[in-house]
């Protein structure tokens, strides 16, 4: 889900808890390439997501909503 606009709504992907968040981010860019070169922060449950950690390490659980915040 993107904040400030409605570009990405109800986007989901199958993944494992051992997947690195950065690999999921790359999959997102295949469908939304316009976000690749945008400075942004990803958050889940008010916690910033670390790209270099797994979903489990980022405490991302099944059906969690991940927010994308573009930085101007």
N, C-alpha and C. Protein backbone atom coordinates (compact mmCIF):
# COMPACT_ATOMS: atom_id res chain seq x y z
N UNK A 1 0.85 -1.17 0.00
CA UNK A 1 0.00 0.00 0.00
C UNK A 1 0.90 1.24 0.00
N UNK A 2 0.65 2.15 -0.92
CA UNK A 2 1.42 3.38 -0.97
C UNK A 2 0.70 4.48 -0.20
N UNK A 3 1.46 5.33 0.41
CA UNK A 3 0.91 6.46 1.15
C UNK A 3 1.00 7.71 0.28
N UNK A 4 -0.05 8.49 0.26
CA UNK A 4 -0.06 9.73 -0.50
C UNK A 4 -0.69 9.58 -1.87
N UNK A 5 -0.83 8.36 -2.35
CA UNK A 5 -1.54 8.11 -3.61
C UNK A 5 -2.08 6.68 -3.58
N UNK A 6 -2.79 6.31 -4.59
CA UNK A 6 -3.44 5.00 -4.61
C UNK A 6 -2.85 4.09 -5.69
N UNK A 7 -1.55 4.20 -5.97
CA UNK A 7 -0.92 3.39 -7.00
C UNK A 7 -0.96 1.90 -6.68
N UNK A 8 -0.66 1.56 -5.45
CA UNK A 8 -0.56 0.15 -5.07
C UNK A 8 -1.59 -0.12 -3.97
N UNK A 9 -2.61 -0.91 -4.33
CA UNK A 9 -3.65 -1.28 -3.37
C UNK A 9 -3.89 -2.77 -3.51
N UNK A 10 -3.99 -3.46 -2.39
CA UNK A 10 -4.28 -4.91 -2.39
C UNK A 10 -3.30 -5.71 -3.23
N UNK A 11 -2.04 -5.37 -3.18
CA UNK A 11 -1.00 -6.10 -3.88
C UNK A 11 -0.47 -7.16 -2.92
N UNK A 12 -0.44 -8.37 -3.37
CA UNK A 12 0.07 -9.43 -2.50
C UNK A 12 0.98 -10.35 -3.31
N UNK A 13 1.86 -11.05 -2.60
CA UNK A 13 2.75 -12.02 -3.25
C UNK A 13 3.04 -13.15 -2.28
N UNK A 14 3.20 -14.33 -2.85
CA UNK A 14 3.55 -15.49 -2.04
C UNK A 14 5.04 -15.40 -1.68
N UNK A 15 5.34 -15.73 -0.44
CA UNK A 15 6.73 -15.68 0.01
C UNK A 15 6.90 -16.56 1.25
N UNK A 16 8.16 -16.73 1.61
CA UNK A 16 8.50 -17.51 2.81
C UNK A 16 9.04 -16.56 3.87
N UNK A 17 8.97 -16.96 5.11
CA UNK A 17 9.49 -16.13 6.20
C UNK A 17 11.00 -15.98 6.11
N UNK A 18 11.66 -16.86 5.36
CA UNK A 18 13.11 -16.80 5.22
C UNK A 18 13.56 -15.95 4.04
N UNK A 19 12.61 -15.41 3.26
CA UNK A 19 12.95 -14.54 2.13
C UNK A 19 13.47 -13.20 2.64
N UNK A 20 14.51 -12.70 1.99
CA UNK A 20 14.99 -11.36 2.29
C UNK A 20 13.98 -10.35 1.76
N UNK A 21 13.77 -9.29 2.51
CA UNK A 21 12.83 -8.27 2.06
C UNK A 21 13.28 -7.67 0.74
N UNK A 22 14.58 -7.52 0.53
CA UNK A 22 15.09 -6.94 -0.71
C UNK A 22 14.68 -7.75 -1.93
N UNK A 23 14.57 -9.07 -1.81
CA UNK A 23 14.15 -9.89 -2.95
C UNK A 23 12.67 -9.65 -3.27
N UNK A 24 11.86 -9.42 -2.24
CA UNK A 24 10.45 -9.11 -2.46
C UNK A 24 10.29 -7.72 -3.06
N UNK A 25 11.15 -6.82 -2.63
CA UNK A 25 11.12 -5.47 -3.18
C UNK A 25 11.43 -5.50 -4.67
N UNK A 26 12.37 -6.33 -5.09
CA UNK A 26 12.69 -6.47 -6.51
C UNK A 26 11.50 -7.01 -7.29
N UNK A 27 10.78 -7.95 -6.72
CA UNK A 27 9.58 -8.48 -7.38
C UNK A 27 8.51 -7.39 -7.52
N UNK A 28 8.40 -6.52 -6.51
CA UNK A 28 7.46 -5.41 -6.58
C UNK A 28 7.79 -4.50 -7.77
N UNK A 29 9.08 -4.23 -7.98
CA UNK A 29 9.51 -3.34 -9.06
C UNK A 29 9.22 -3.92 -10.44
N UNK A 30 9.05 -5.22 -10.54
CA UNK A 30 8.68 -5.80 -11.83
C UNK A 30 7.28 -5.34 -12.24
N UNK A 31 6.39 -5.19 -11.26
CA UNK A 31 5.02 -4.72 -11.54
C UNK A 31 4.88 -3.20 -11.43
N UNK A 32 5.71 -2.57 -10.64
CA UNK A 32 5.65 -1.12 -10.43
C UNK A 32 7.04 -0.51 -10.60
N UNK A 33 7.58 -0.51 -11.81
CA UNK A 33 8.96 -0.04 -12.04
C UNK A 33 9.17 1.44 -11.70
N UNK A 34 8.10 2.23 -11.67
CA UNK A 34 8.23 3.66 -11.38
C UNK A 34 8.70 3.91 -9.94
N UNK A 35 8.63 2.90 -9.06
CA UNK A 35 9.09 3.07 -7.67
C UNK A 35 10.55 2.69 -7.47
N UNK A 36 11.18 2.12 -8.48
CA UNK A 36 12.57 1.67 -8.33
C UNK A 36 13.51 2.81 -7.95
N UNK A 37 13.38 3.94 -8.60
CA UNK A 37 14.32 5.06 -8.39
C UNK A 37 13.78 6.14 -7.47
N UNK A 38 12.78 5.80 -6.69
CA UNK A 38 12.19 6.74 -5.74
C UNK A 38 12.75 6.44 -4.36
N UNK A 39 13.19 7.49 -3.65
CA UNK A 39 13.62 7.28 -2.26
C UNK A 39 12.37 6.98 -1.44
N UNK A 40 12.45 5.91 -0.65
CA UNK A 40 11.26 5.44 0.06
C UNK A 40 11.61 4.70 1.34
N UNK A 41 10.59 4.55 2.17
CA UNK A 41 10.69 3.76 3.40
C UNK A 41 9.54 2.76 3.37
N UNK A 42 9.82 1.53 3.75
CA UNK A 42 8.79 0.52 3.92
C UNK A 42 8.57 0.32 5.40
N UNK A 43 7.29 0.24 5.80
CA UNK A 43 6.97 0.05 7.21
C UNK A 43 5.87 -0.99 7.36
N UNK A 44 5.92 -1.70 8.49
CA UNK A 44 4.87 -2.64 8.86
C UNK A 44 4.59 -2.45 10.35
N UNK A 45 3.35 -2.29 10.70
CA UNK A 45 2.94 -2.10 12.11
C UNK A 45 3.78 -1.02 12.80
N UNK A 46 3.96 0.11 12.13
CA UNK A 46 4.70 1.27 12.65
C UNK A 46 6.19 1.00 12.87
N UNK A 47 6.72 -0.08 12.28
CA UNK A 47 8.14 -0.39 12.37
C UNK A 47 8.77 -0.31 10.98
N UNK A 48 9.93 0.35 10.91
CA UNK A 48 10.65 0.45 9.64
C UNK A 48 11.20 -0.92 9.27
N UNK A 49 11.10 -1.27 8.00
CA UNK A 49 11.58 -2.56 7.51
C UNK A 49 13.01 -2.42 7.04
N UNK A 50 13.84 -3.37 7.42
CA UNK A 50 15.23 -3.41 6.97
C UNK A 50 15.30 -4.29 5.73
N UNK A 51 15.79 -3.74 4.63
CA UNK A 51 15.87 -4.46 3.36
C UNK A 51 16.74 -5.71 3.46
N UNK A 52 17.77 -5.69 4.30
CA UNK A 52 18.73 -6.78 4.37
C UNK A 52 18.35 -7.88 5.36
N UNK A 53 17.16 -7.80 5.91
CA UNK A 53 16.70 -8.83 6.84
C UNK A 53 15.58 -9.64 6.21
N UNK A 54 15.36 -10.82 6.77
CA UNK A 54 14.27 -11.67 6.29
C UNK A 54 12.94 -11.14 6.79
N UNK A 55 11.86 -11.70 6.26
CA UNK A 55 10.54 -11.32 6.75
C UNK A 55 10.42 -11.64 8.23
N UNK A 56 10.91 -12.78 8.63
CA UNK A 56 10.85 -13.17 10.05
C UNK A 56 11.63 -12.19 10.92
N UNK A 57 12.82 -11.81 10.50
CA UNK A 57 13.64 -10.87 11.26
C UNK A 57 13.00 -9.49 11.34
N UNK A 58 12.21 -9.13 10.32
CA UNK A 58 11.49 -7.86 10.32
C UNK A 58 10.13 -7.98 11.02
N UNK A 59 9.84 -9.14 11.58
CA UNK A 59 8.56 -9.39 12.27
C UNK A 59 7.36 -9.16 11.36
N UNK A 60 7.50 -9.56 10.09
CA UNK A 60 6.40 -9.48 9.15
C UNK A 60 5.69 -10.82 9.15
N UNK A 61 4.41 -10.76 9.42
CA UNK A 61 3.60 -11.97 9.54
C UNK A 61 2.62 -12.08 8.38
N UNK A 62 2.01 -13.25 8.24
CA UNK A 62 1.03 -13.50 7.20
C UNK A 62 -0.09 -12.45 7.26
N UNK A 63 -0.42 -11.89 6.12
CA UNK A 63 -1.48 -10.88 5.96
C UNK A 63 -1.17 -9.52 6.55
N UNK A 64 0.08 -9.27 6.97
CA UNK A 64 0.45 -7.92 7.41
C UNK A 64 0.39 -6.97 6.22
N UNK A 65 0.05 -5.74 6.50
CA UNK A 65 0.03 -4.71 5.46
C UNK A 65 1.35 -3.94 5.53
N UNK A 66 2.05 -3.93 4.43
CA UNK A 66 3.32 -3.20 4.33
C UNK A 66 3.03 -1.89 3.62
N UNK A 67 3.43 -0.81 4.25
CA UNK A 67 3.23 0.53 3.69
C UNK A 67 4.50 1.03 3.05
N UNK A 68 4.35 1.66 1.89
CA UNK A 68 5.46 2.27 1.17
C UNK A 68 5.28 3.77 1.29
N UNK A 69 6.27 4.44 1.85
CA UNK A 69 6.24 5.90 2.03
C UNK A 69 7.30 6.53 1.15
N UNK A 70 6.90 7.14 0.01
CA UNK A 70 7.87 7.88 -0.79
C UNK A 70 8.36 9.10 -0.01
N UNK A 71 9.65 9.39 -0.15
CA UNK A 71 10.25 10.55 0.52
C UNK A 71 10.52 11.62 -0.52
N UNK A 72 10.00 12.81 -0.29
CA UNK A 72 10.19 13.91 -1.24
C UNK A 72 11.51 14.60 -1.01
